[in-house]
Amino acid sequence: MTVGPRRGLGEHPTRVLILRRLSAGCPGVTTIVPDPDDLALSKVVAWRDKDRDWLRSGIRAKLFSLETMAAPLVRMPDRVPERHEMMRRLAWLAAECGLRSLIRE
């Protein structure tokens, strides 16, 4: 098992877990598991109804952190929504989930 940084959107290093499984049925299979906060941030970028539902469920279950998701926003590439819009979305999620937002713009 290896845990290490990989490059994702822009220069933000994503955290991934790489699992190497030995199996007679699947020799040499490598599984890449993205960090939950990075996966959630991609859902904030997409911002479809199903993404908002997924995010609310994950936040309520404490699977990821709004503050951790906000940290890389200053390094996000131009193809994603502007930082102000991303912060607005995170603040909306905090309100939807009954959290006192610690996020500051």
PDB file of N, CA and C in Angstrom:
ATOM      1  N   MET A   1       0.852  -1.168   0.000  1.00  0.00           N
ATOM      2  CA  MET A   1       0.000   0.000   0.000  1.00  0.00           C
ATOM      3  C   MET A   1       0.897   1.230   0.000  1.00  0.00           C
ATOM      4  N   THR A   2       0.533   2.211  -0.796  1.00  0.00           N
ATOM      5  CA  THR A   2       1.287   3.446  -0.898  1.00  0.00           C
ATOM      6  C   THR A   2       0.338   4.616  -0.736  1.00  0.00           C
ATOM      7  N   VAL A   3       0.704   5.579   0.066  1.00  0.00           N
ATOM      8  CA  VAL A   3      -0.068   6.816   0.164  1.00  0.00           C
ATOM      9  C   VAL A   3       0.858   7.926  -0.264  1.00  0.00           C
ATOM     10  N   GLY A   4       0.410   8.740  -1.200  1.00  0.00           N
ATOM     11  CA  GLY A   4       1.297   9.790  -1.647  1.00  0.00           C
ATOM     12  C   GLY A   4       0.580  10.839  -2.454  1.00  0.00           C
ATOM     13  N   PRO A   5       1.281  11.951  -2.710  1.00  0.00           N
ATOM     14  CA  PRO A   5       0.672  13.018  -3.501  1.00  0.00           C
ATOM     15  C   PRO A   5       0.694  12.677  -4.983  1.00  0.00           C
ATOM     16  N   ARG A   6      -0.316  13.102  -5.678  1.00  0.00           N
ATOM     17  CA  ARG A   6      -0.370  13.049  -7.130  1.00  0.00           C
ATOM     18  C   ARG A   6      -0.846  14.408  -7.577  1.00  0.00           C
ATOM     19  N   ARG A   7      -0.690  14.715  -8.811  1.00  0.00           N
ATOM     20  CA  ARG A   7      -1.138  16.006  -9.314  1.00  0.00           C
ATOM     21  C   ARG A   7      -2.554  15.872  -9.839  1.00  0.00           C
ATOM     22  N   GLY A   8      -3.419  16.757  -9.380  1.00  0.00           N
ATOM     23  CA  GLY A   8      -4.796  16.780  -9.838  1.00  0.00           C
ATOM     24  C   GLY A   8      -5.054  18.069 -10.573  1.00  0.00           C
ATOM     25  N   LEU A   9      -6.119  18.760 -10.234  1.00  0.00           N
ATOM     26  CA  LEU A   9      -6.449  20.031 -10.864  1.00  0.00           C
ATOM     27  C   LEU A   9      -5.384  21.061 -10.543  1.00  0.00           C
ATOM     28  N   GLY A  10      -4.858  21.692 -11.558  1.00  0.00           N
ATOM     29  CA  GLY A  10      -3.862  22.737 -11.344  1.00  0.00           C
ATOM     30  C   GLY A  10      -2.637  22.185 -10.638  1.00  0.00           C
ATOM     31  N   GLU A  11      -2.114  22.943  -9.713  1.00  0.00           N
ATOM     32  CA  GLU A  11      -0.926  22.530  -8.972  1.00  0.00           C
ATOM     33  C   GLU A  11      -1.275  21.935  -7.613  1.00  0.00           C
ATOM     34  N   HIS A  12      -2.561  21.781  -7.340  1.00  0.00           N
ATOM     35  CA  HIS A  12      -2.987  21.232  -6.051  1.00  0.00           C
ATOM     36  C   HIS A  12      -2.655  19.744  -6.003  1.00  0.00           C
ATOM     37  N   PRO A  13      -1.757  19.331  -5.119  1.00  0.00           N
ATOM     38  CA  PRO A  13      -1.472  17.902  -5.037  1.00  0.00           C
ATOM     39  C   PRO A  13      -2.645  17.180  -4.369  1.00  0.00           C
ATOM     40  N   THR A  14      -3.179  16.193  -5.037  1.00  0.00           N
ATOM     41  CA  THR A  14      -4.258  15.407  -4.447  1.00  0.00           C
ATOM     42  C   THR A  14      -3.642  14.308  -3.605  1.00  0.00           C
ATOM     43  N   ARG A  15      -4.371  13.867  -2.629  1.00  0.00           N
ATOM     44  CA  ARG A  15      -3.914  12.785  -1.779  1.00  0.00           C
ATOM     45  C   ARG A  15      -4.606  11.513  -2.268  1.00  0.00           C
ATOM     46  N   VAL A  16      -3.829  10.509  -2.591  1.00  0.00           N
ATOM     47  CA  VAL A  16      -4.409   9.267  -3.078  1.00  0.00           C
ATOM     48  C   VAL A  16      -3.835   8.089  -2.314  1.00  0.00           C
ATOM     49  N   LEU A  17      -4.602   7.059  -2.254  1.00  0.00           N
ATOM     50  CA  LEU A  17      -4.184   5.809  -1.651  1.00  0.00           C
ATOM     51  C   LEU A  17      -4.109   4.798  -2.786  1.00  0.00           C
ATOM     52  N   ILE A  18      -2.949   4.206  -3.001  1.00  0.00           N
ATOM     53  CA  ILE A  18      -2.786   3.221  -4.055  1.00  0.00           C
ATOM     54  C   ILE A  18      -2.652   1.851  -3.396  1.00  0.00           C
ATOM     55  N   LEU A  19      -3.573   0.979  -3.712  1.00  0.00           N
ATOM     56  CA  LEU A  19      -3.584  -0.359  -3.138  1.00  0.00           C
ATOM     57  C   LEU A  19      -3.140  -1.360  -4.197  1.00  0.00           C
ATOM     58  N   ARG A  20      -2.163  -2.162  -3.886  1.00  0.00           N
ATOM     59  CA  ARG A  20      -1.745  -3.228  -4.796  1.00  0.00           C
ATOM     60  C   ARG A  20      -2.268  -4.540  -4.231  1.00  0.00           C
ATOM     61  N   ARG A  21      -3.102  -5.181  -4.999  1.00  0.00           N
ATOM     62  CA  ARG A  21      -3.720  -6.437  -4.572  1.00  0.00           C
ATOM     63  C   ARG A  21      -3.137  -7.588  -5.376  1.00  0.00           C
ATOM     64  N   LEU A  22      -2.803  -8.647  -4.699  1.00  0.00           N
ATOM     65  CA  LEU A  22      -2.352  -9.851  -5.376  1.00  0.00           C
ATOM     66  C   LEU A  22      -3.506 -10.838  -5.379  1.00  0.00           C
ATOM     67  N   SER A  23      -3.891 -11.236  -6.571  1.00  0.00           N
ATOM     68  CA  SER A  23      -5.006 -12.155  -6.716  1.00  0.00           C
ATOM     69  C   SER A  23      -4.778 -12.997  -7.964  1.00  0.00           C
ATOM     70  N   ALA A  24      -5.056 -14.273  -7.883  1.00  0.00           N
ATOM     71  CA  ALA A  24      -4.887 -15.143  -9.046  1.00  0.00           C
ATOM     72  C   ALA A  24      -5.805 -14.694 -10.185  1.00  0.00           C
ATOM     73  N   GLY A  25      -6.976 -14.172  -9.844  1.00  0.00           N
ATOM     74  CA  GLY A  25      -7.942 -13.753 -10.852  1.00  0.00           C
ATOM     75  C   GLY A  25      -7.629 -12.405 -11.473  1.00  0.00           C
ATOM     76  N   CYS A  26      -6.877 -11.561 -10.785  1.00  0.00           N
ATOM     77  CA  CYS A  26      -6.556 -10.207 -11.264  1.00  0.00           C
ATOM     78  C   CYS A  26      -5.102  -9.880 -10.960  1.00  0.00           C
ATOM     79  N   PRO A  27      -4.158 -10.527 -11.608  1.00  0.00           N
ATOM     80  CA  PRO A  27      -2.749 -10.262 -11.302  1.00  0.00           C
ATOM     81  C   PRO A  27      -2.343  -8.843 -11.681  1.00  0.00           C
ATOM     82  N   GLY A  28      -1.572  -8.220 -10.785  1.00  0.00           N
ATOM     83  CA  GLY A  28      -1.030  -6.897 -11.065  1.00  0.00           C
ATOM     84  C   GLY A  28      -2.034  -5.759 -11.023  1.00  0.00           C
ATOM     85  N   VAL A  29      -3.179  -5.963 -10.424  1.00  0.00           N
ATOM     86  CA  VAL A  29      -4.208  -4.918 -10.372  1.00  0.00           C
ATOM     87  C   VAL A  29      -3.802  -3.846  -9.368  1.00  0.00           C
ATOM     88  N   THR A  30      -3.916  -2.585  -9.771  1.00  0.00           N
ATOM     89  CA  THR A  30      -3.659  -1.453  -8.893  1.00  0.00           C
ATOM     90  C   THR A  30      -4.950  -0.665  -8.753  1.00  0.00           C
ATOM     91  N   THR A  31      -5.332  -0.375  -7.535  1.00  0.00           N
ATOM     92  CA  THR A  31      -6.536   0.403  -7.270  1.00  0.00           C
ATOM     93  C   THR A  31      -6.119   1.771  -6.753  1.00  0.00           C
ATOM     94  N   ILE A  32      -6.661   2.826  -7.341  1.00  0.00           N
ATOM     95  CA  ILE A  32      -6.369   4.184  -6.894  1.00  0.00           C
ATOM     96  C   ILE A  32      -7.611   4.732  -6.199  1.00  0.00           C
ATOM     97  N   VAL A  33      -7.435   5.137  -4.954  1.00  0.00           N
ATOM     98  CA  VAL A  33      -8.541   5.649  -4.153  1.00  0.00           C
ATOM     99  C   VAL A  33      -8.292   7.128  -3.871  1.00  0.00           C
ATOM    100  N   PRO A  34      -9.096   8.034  -4.430  1.00  0.00           N
ATOM    101  CA  PRO A  34      -8.869   9.468  -4.186  1.00  0.00           C
ATOM    102  C   PRO A  34      -9.208   9.856  -2.749  1.00  0.00           C
ATOM    103  N   ASP A  35      -8.579  10.913  -2.298  1.00  0.00           N
ATOM    104  CA  ASP A  35      -8.890  11.464  -0.988  1.00  0.00           C
ATOM    105  C   ASP A  35     -10.354  11.930  -0.983  1.00  0.00           C
ATOM    106  N   PRO A  36     -11.122  11.628   0.063  1.00  0.00           N
ATOM    107  CA  PRO A  36     -12.542  12.024   0.093  1.00  0.00           C
ATOM    108  C   PRO A  36     -12.771  13.527  -0.095  1.00  0.00           C
ATOM    109  N   ASP A  37     -11.919  14.366   0.489  1.00  0.00           N
ATOM    110  CA  ASP A  37     -12.094  15.812   0.342  1.00  0.00           C
ATOM    111  C   ASP A  37     -11.859  16.254  -1.100  1.00  0.00           C
ATOM    112  N   ASP A  38     -10.904  15.636  -1.782  1.00  0.00           N
ATOM    113  CA  ASP A  38     -10.645  15.969  -3.185  1.00  0.00           C
ATOM    114  C   ASP A  38     -11.813  15.537  -4.070  1.00  0.00           C
ATOM    115  N   LEU A  39     -12.340  14.354  -3.804  1.00  0.00           N
ATOM    116  CA  LEU A  39     -13.498  13.884  -4.559  1.00  0.00           C
ATOM    117  C   LEU A  39     -14.695  14.814  -4.325  1.00  0.00           C
ATOM    118  N   ALA A  40     -14.905  15.210  -3.074  1.00  0.00           N
ATOM    119  CA  ALA A  40     -16.008  16.121  -2.754  1.00  0.00           C
ATOM    120  C   ALA A  40     -15.828  17.467  -3.446  1.00  0.00           C
ATOM    121  N   LEU A  41     -14.596  17.944  -3.509  1.00  0.00           N
ATOM    122  CA  LEU A  41     -14.340  19.225  -4.174  1.00  0.00           C
ATOM    123  C   LEU A  41     -14.706  19.147  -5.657  1.00  0.00           C
ATOM    124  N   SER A  42     -14.470  18.007  -6.282  1.00  0.00           N
ATOM    125  CA  SER A  42     -14.866  17.857  -7.686  1.00  0.00           C
ATOM    126  C   SER A  42     -16.384  17.930  -7.832  1.00  0.00           C
ATOM    127  N   LYS A  43     -17.105  17.472  -6.825  1.00  0.00           N
ATOM    128  CA  LYS A  43     -18.571  17.570  -6.839  1.00  0.00           C
ATOM    129  C   LYS A  43     -19.023  19.019  -6.657  1.00  0.00           C
ATOM    130  N   VAL A  44     -18.270  19.797  -5.884  1.00  0.00           N
ATOM    131  CA  VAL A  44     -18.580  21.225  -5.730  1.00  0.00           C
ATOM    132  C   VAL A  44     -18.363  21.938  -7.062  1.00  0.00           C
ATOM    133  N   VAL A  45     -17.358  21.543  -7.808  1.00  0.00           N
ATOM    134  CA  VAL A  45     -17.115  22.130  -9.124  1.00  0.00           C
ATOM    135  C   VAL A  45     -18.280  21.806 -10.054  1.00  0.00           C
ATOM    136  N   ALA A  46     -18.716  20.544 -10.097  1.00  0.00           N
ATOM    137  CA  ALA A  46     -19.799  20.128 -10.997  1.00  0.00           C
ATOM    138  C   ALA A  46     -21.134  20.768 -10.605  1.00  0.00           C
ATOM    139  N   TRP A  47     -21.469  20.727  -9.336  1.00  0.00           N
ATOM    140  CA  TRP A  47     -22.606  21.425  -8.723  1.00  0.00           C
ATOM    141  C   TRP A  47     -23.969  21.098  -9.340  1.00  0.00           C
ATOM    142  N   ARG A  48     -24.165  19.870  -9.765  1.00  0.00           N
ATOM    143  CA  ARG A  48     -25.469  19.427 -10.255  1.00  0.00           C
ATOM    144  C   ARG A  48     -26.335  19.061  -9.051  1.00  0.00           C
ATOM    145  N   ASP A  49     -27.642  18.895  -9.267  1.00  0.00           N
ATOM    146  CA  ASP A  49     -28.534  18.513  -8.170  1.00  0.00           C
ATOM    147  C   ASP A  49     -28.038  17.251  -7.473  1.00  0.00           C
ATOM    148  N   LYS A  50     -27.667  16.244  -8.261  1.00  0.00           N
ATOM    149  CA  LYS A  50     -27.211  14.988  -7.658  1.00  0.00           C
ATOM    150  C   LYS A  50     -25.910  15.176  -6.890  1.00  0.00           C
ATOM    151  N   ASP A  51     -25.055  16.117  -7.325  1.00  0.00           N
ATOM    152  CA  ASP A  51     -23.819  16.402  -6.604  1.00  0.00           C
ATOM    153  C   ASP A  51     -24.115  17.071  -5.270  1.00  0.00           C
ATOM    154  N   ARG A  52     -25.049  18.019  -5.269  1.00  0.00           N
ATOM    155  CA  ARG A  52     -25.411  18.697  -4.013  1.00  0.00           C
ATOM    156  C   ARG A  52     -26.013  17.700  -3.029  1.00  0.00           C
ATOM    157  N   ASP A  53     -26.847  16.777  -3.510  1.00  0.00           N
ATOM    158  CA  ASP A  53     -27.408  15.739  -2.632  1.00  0.00           C
ATOM    159  C   ASP A  53     -26.303  14.872  -2.047  1.00  0.00           C
ATOM    160  N   TRP A  54     -25.361  14.476  -2.897  1.00  0.00           N
ATOM    161  CA  TRP A  54     -24.246  13.639  -2.462  1.00  0.00           C
ATOM    162  C   TRP A  54     -23.404  14.371  -1.426  1.00  0.00           C
ATOM    163  N   LEU A  55     -23.117  15.648  -1.682  1.00  0.00           N
ATOM    164  CA  LEU A  55     -22.316  16.452  -0.759  1.00  0.00           C
ATOM    165  C   LEU A  55     -23.009  16.624   0.588  1.00  0.00           C
ATOM    166  N   ARG A  56     -24.298  16.919   0.569  1.00  0.00           N
ATOM    167  CA  ARG A  56     -25.030  17.065   1.845  1.00  0.00           C
ATOM    168  C   ARG A  56     -24.946  15.780   2.656  1.00  0.00           C
ATOM    169  N   SER A  57     -25.141  14.641   1.996  1.00  0.00           N
ATOM    170  CA  SER A  57     -25.081  13.358   2.706  1.00  0.00           C
ATOM    171  C   SER A  57     -23.698  13.121   3.301  1.00  0.00           C
ATOM    172  N   GLY A  58     -22.664  13.385   2.522  1.00  0.00           N
ATOM    173  CA  GLY A  58     -21.301  13.169   3.001  1.00  0.00           C
ATOM    174  C   GLY A  58     -20.901  14.097   4.127  1.00  0.00           C
ATOM    175  N   ILE A  59     -21.329  15.348   4.036  1.00  0.00           N
ATOM    176  CA  ILE A  59     -21.014  16.313   5.096  1.00  0.00           C
ATOM    177  C   ILE A  59     -21.731  15.933   6.385  1.00  0.00           C
ATOM    178  N   ARG A  60     -22.997  15.566   6.263  1.00  0.00           N
ATOM    179  CA  ARG A  60     -23.756  15.160   7.459  1.00  0.00           C
ATOM    180  C   ARG A  60     -23.168  13.907   8.104  1.00  0.00           C
ATOM    181  N   ALA A  61     -22.582  13.036   7.286  1.00  0.00           N
ATOM    182  CA  ALA A  61     -21.956  11.813   7.803  1.00  0.00           C
ATOM    183  C   ALA A  61     -20.508  12.050   8.238  1.00  0.00           C
ATOM    184  N   LYS A  62     -20.048  13.296   8.100  1.00  0.00           N
ATOM    185  CA  LYS A  62     -18.689  13.686   8.488  1.00  0.00           C
ATOM    186  C   LYS A  62     -17.615  12.907   7.717  1.00  0.00           C
ATOM    187  N   LEU A  63     -17.877  12.697   6.411  1.00  0.00           N
ATOM    188  CA  LEU A  63     -16.913  11.998   5.567  1.00  0.00           C
ATOM    189  C   LEU A  63     -15.829  12.919   5.027  1.00  0.00           C
ATOM    190  N   PHE A  64     -16.117  14.218   4.998  1.00  0.00           N
ATOM    191  CA  PHE A  64     -15.138  15.181   4.537  1.00  0.00           C
ATOM    192  C   PHE A  64     -15.375  16.526   5.189  1.00  0.00           C
ATOM    193  N   SER A  65     -14.433  17.436   4.992  1.00  0.00           N
ATOM    194  CA  SER A  65     -14.417  18.718   5.689  1.00  0.00           C
ATOM    195  C   SER A  65     -14.525  19.881   4.710  1.00  0.00           C
ATOM    196  N   LEU A  66     -15.435  20.789   4.967  1.00  0.00           N
ATOM    197  CA  LEU A  66     -15.567  21.987   4.140  1.00  0.00           C
ATOM    198  C   LEU A  66     -14.295  22.829   4.197  1.00  0.00           C
ATOM    199  N   GLU A  67     -13.679  22.915   5.353  1.00  0.00           N
ATOM    200  CA  GLU A  67     -12.458  23.705   5.499  1.00  0.00           C
ATOM    201  C   GLU A  67     -11.313  23.107   4.676  1.00  0.00           C
ATOM    202  N   THR A  68     -11.204  21.778   4.691  1.00  0.00           N
ATOM    203  CA  THR A  68     -10.163  21.118   3.900  1.00  0.00           C
ATOM    204  C   THR A  68     -10.422  21.323   2.408  1.00  0.00           C
ATOM    205  N   MET A  69     -11.686  21.279   2.011  1.00  0.00           N
ATOM    206  CA  MET A  69     -12.022  21.492   0.604  1.00  0.00           C
ATOM    207  C   MET A  69     -11.744  22.930   0.179  1.00  0.00           C
ATOM    208  N   ALA A  70     -11.866  23.887   1.089  1.00  0.00           N
ATOM    209  CA  ALA A  70     -11.652  25.299   0.746  1.00  0.00           C
ATOM    210  C   ALA A  70     -10.169  25.637   0.576  1.00  0.00           C
ATOM    211  N   ALA A  71      -9.292  24.913   1.245  1.00  0.00           N
ATOM    212  CA  ALA A  71      -7.863  25.256   1.250  1.00  0.00           C
ATOM    213  C   ALA A  71      -7.232  25.362  -0.140  1.00  0.00           C
ATOM    214  N   PRO A  72      -7.485  24.439  -1.074  1.00  0.00           N
ATOM    215  CA  PRO A  72      -6.800  24.526  -2.367  1.00  0.00           C
ATOM    216  C   PRO A  72      -7.449  25.475  -3.380  1.00  0.00           C
ATOM    217  N   LEU A  73      -8.507  26.157  -3.018  1.00  0.00           N
ATOM    218  CA  LEU A  73      -9.232  26.974  -3.991  1.00  0.00           C
ATOM    219  C   LEU A  73      -8.379  28.067  -4.622  1.00  0.00           C
ATOM    220  N   VAL A  74      -7.418  28.593  -3.905  1.00  0.00           N
ATOM    221  CA  VAL A  74      -6.578  29.659  -4.461  1.00  0.00           C
ATOM    222  C   VAL A  74      -5.677  29.140  -5.579  1.00  0.00           C
ATOM    223  N   ARG A  75      -5.491  27.812  -5.660  1.00  0.00           N
ATOM    224  CA  ARG A  75      -4.625  27.230  -6.676  1.00  0.00           C
ATOM    225  C   ARG A  75      -5.398  26.491  -7.771  1.00  0.00           C
ATOM    226  N   MET A  76      -6.702  26.650  -7.808  1.00  0.00           N
ATOM    227  CA  MET A  76      -7.511  25.940  -8.794  1.00  0.00           C
ATOM    228  C   MET A  76      -7.314  26.558 -10.178  1.00  0.00           C
ATOM    229  N   PRO A  77      -7.410  25.740 -11.220  1.00  0.00           N
ATOM    230  CA  PRO A  77      -7.216  26.257 -12.583  1.00  0.00           C
ATOM    231  C   PRO A  77      -8.381  27.137 -13.033  1.00  0.00           C
ATOM    232  N   ASP A  78      -8.153  27.876 -14.096  1.00  0.00           N
ATOM    233  CA  ASP A  78      -9.156  28.802 -14.611  1.00  0.00           C
ATOM    234  C   ASP A  78     -10.427  28.122 -15.097  1.00  0.00           C
ATOM    235  N   ARG A  79     -10.364  26.846 -15.445  1.00  0.00           N
ATOM    236  CA  ARG A  79     -11.540  26.168 -16.003  1.00  0.00           C
ATOM    237  C   ARG A  79     -12.613  25.835 -14.962  1.00  0.00           C
ATOM    238  N   VAL A  80     -12.331  26.028 -13.697  1.00  0.00           N
ATOM    239  CA  VAL A  80     -13.343  25.808 -12.661  1.00  0.00           C
ATOM    240  C   VAL A  80     -13.974  27.154 -12.303  1.00  0.00           C
ATOM    241  N   PRO A  81     -15.132  27.138 -11.619  1.00  0.00           N
ATOM    242  CA  PRO A  81     -15.735  28.415 -11.216  1.00  0.00           C
ATOM    243  C   PRO A  81     -14.761  29.262 -10.388  1.00  0.00           C
ATOM    244  N   GLU A  82     -14.966  30.566 -10.420  1.00  0.00           N
ATOM    245  CA  GLU A  82     -14.107  31.484  -9.664  1.00  0.00           C
ATOM    246  C   GLU A  82     -14.139  31.154  -8.181  1.00  0.00           C
ATOM    247  N   ARG A  83     -13.089  31.532  -7.488  1.00  0.00           N
ATOM    248  CA  ARG A  83     -12.949  31.242  -6.057  1.00  0.00           C
ATOM    249  C   ARG A  83     -14.144  31.755  -5.257  1.00  0.00           C
ATOM    250  N   HIS A  84     -14.612  32.963  -5.570  1.00  0.00           N
ATOM    251  CA  HIS A  84     -15.757  33.530  -4.849  1.00  0.00           C
ATOM    252  C   HIS A  84     -16.984  32.620  -4.986  1.00  0.00           C
ATOM    253  N   GLU A  85     -17.221  32.112  -6.184  1.00  0.00           N
ATOM    254  CA  GLU A  85     -18.356  31.211  -6.413  1.00  0.00           C
ATOM    255  C   GLU A  85     -18.165  29.891  -5.668  1.00  0.00           C
ATOM    256  N   MET A  86     -16.956  29.362  -5.665  1.00  0.00           N
ATOM    257  CA  MET A  86     -16.700  28.117  -4.941  1.00  0.00           C
ATOM    258  C   MET A  86     -16.911  28.311  -3.436  1.00  0.00           C
ATOM    259  N   MET A  87     -16.474  29.447  -2.915  1.00  0.00           N
ATOM    260  CA  MET A  87     -16.680  29.736  -1.493  1.00  0.00           C
ATOM    261  C   MET A  87     -18.172  29.887  -1.190  1.00  0.00           C
ATOM    262  N   ARG A  88     -18.907  30.494  -2.100  1.00  0.00           N
ATOM    263  CA  ARG A  88     -20.358  30.637  -1.923  1.00  0.00           C
ATOM    264  C   ARG A  88     -21.000  29.249  -1.845  1.00  0.00           C
ATOM    265  N   ARG A  89     -20.565  28.345  -2.702  1.00  0.00           N
ATOM    266  CA  ARG A  89     -21.114  26.987  -2.704  1.00  0.00           C
ATOM    267  C   ARG A  89     -20.793  26.256  -1.403  1.00  0.00           C
ATOM    268  N   LEU A  90     -19.569  26.408  -0.909  1.00  0.00           N
ATOM    269  CA  LEU A  90     -19.204  25.769   0.356  1.00  0.00           C
ATOM    270  C   LEU A  90     -19.995  26.357   1.524  1.00  0.00           C
ATOM    271  N   ALA A  91     -20.197  27.668   1.510  1.00  0.00           N
ATOM    272  CA  ALA A  91     -20.994  28.314   2.559  1.00  0.00           C
ATOM    273  C   ALA A  91     -22.444  27.830   2.488  1.00  0.00           C
ATOM    274  N   TRP A  92     -22.971  27.663   1.287  1.00  0.00           N
ATOM    275  CA  TRP A  92     -24.335  27.151   1.107  1.00  0.00           C
ATOM    276  C   TRP A  92     -24.438  25.751   1.697  1.00  0.00           C
ATOM    277  N   LEU A  93     -23.436  24.913   1.422  1.00  0.00           N
ATOM    278  CA  LEU A  93     -23.439  23.559   1.973  1.00  0.00           C
ATOM    279  C   LEU A  93     -23.411  23.575   3.491  1.00  0.00           C
ATOM    280  N   ALA A  94     -22.594  24.453   4.049  1.00  0.00           N
ATOM    281  CA  ALA A  94     -22.529  24.562   5.510  1.00  0.00           C
ATOM    282  C   ALA A  94     -23.903  24.919   6.070  1.00  0.00           C
ATOM    283  N   ALA A  95     -24.568  25.893   5.463  1.00  0.00           N
ATOM    284  CA  ALA A  95     -25.900  26.306   5.932  1.00  0.00           C
ATOM    285  C   ALA A  95     -26.912  25.172   5.760  1.00  0.00           C
ATOM    286  N   GLU A  96     -26.865  24.497   4.616  1.00  0.00           N
ATOM    287  CA  GLU A  96     -27.785  23.386   4.350  1.00  0.00           C
ATOM    288  C   GLU A  96     -27.637  22.257   5.368  1.00  0.00           C
ATOM    289  N   CYS A  97     -26.422  22.074   5.847  1.00  0.00           N
ATOM    290  CA  CYS A  97     -26.140  20.977   6.774  1.00  0.00           C
ATOM    291  C   CYS A  97     -26.161  21.424   8.231  1.00  0.00           C
ATOM    292  N   GLY A  98     -26.561  22.672   8.456  1.00  0.00           N
ATOM    293  CA  GLY A  98     -26.660  23.173   9.825  1.00  0.00           C
ATOM    294  C   GLY A  98     -25.325  23.351  10.511  1.00  0.00           C
ATOM    295  N   LEU A  99     -24.294  23.631   9.727  1.00  0.00           N
ATOM    296  CA  LEU A  99     -22.961  23.837  10.297  1.00  0.00           C
ATOM    297  C   LEU A  99     -22.657  25.310  10.393  1.00  0.00           C
ATOM    298  N   ARG A 100     -21.975  25.666  11.424  1.00  0.00           N
ATOM    299  CA  ARG A 100     -21.435  27.020  11.521  1.00  0.00           C
ATOM    300  C   ARG A 100     -20.198  27.030  10.659  1.00  0.00           C
ATOM    301  N   SER A 101     -20.235  27.789   9.599  1.00  0.00           N
ATOM    302  CA  SER A 101     -19.135  27.769   8.646  1.00  0.00           C
ATOM    303  C   SER A 101     -17.903  28.462   9.215  1.00  0.00           C
ATOM    304  N   LEU A 102     -16.776  27.789   9.150  1.00  0.00           N
ATOM    305  CA  LEU A 102     -15.496  28.368   9.538  1.00  0.00           C
ATOM    306  C   LEU A 102     -14.765  28.900   8.320  1.00  0.00           C
ATOM    307  N   ILE A 103     -15.424  28.805   7.178  1.00  0.00           N
ATOM    308  CA  ILE A 103     -14.814  29.210   5.922  1.00  0.00           C
ATOM    309  C   ILE A 103     -14.800  30.730   5.824  1.00  0.00           C
ATOM    310  N   ARG A 104     -13.634  31.258   5.508  1.00  0.00           N
ATOM    311  CA  ARG A 104     -13.477  32.704   5.310  1.00  0.00           C
ATOM    312  C   ARG A 104     -12.993  32.925   3.892  1.00  0.00           C
ATOM    313  N   GLU A 105     -13.518  33.927   3.236  1.00  0.00           N
ATOM    314  CA  GLU A 105     -13.080  34.236   1.868  1.00  0.00           C
ATOM    315  C   GLU A 105     -11.802  35.019   1.887  1.00  0.00           C
TER     316      GLU A 105
END
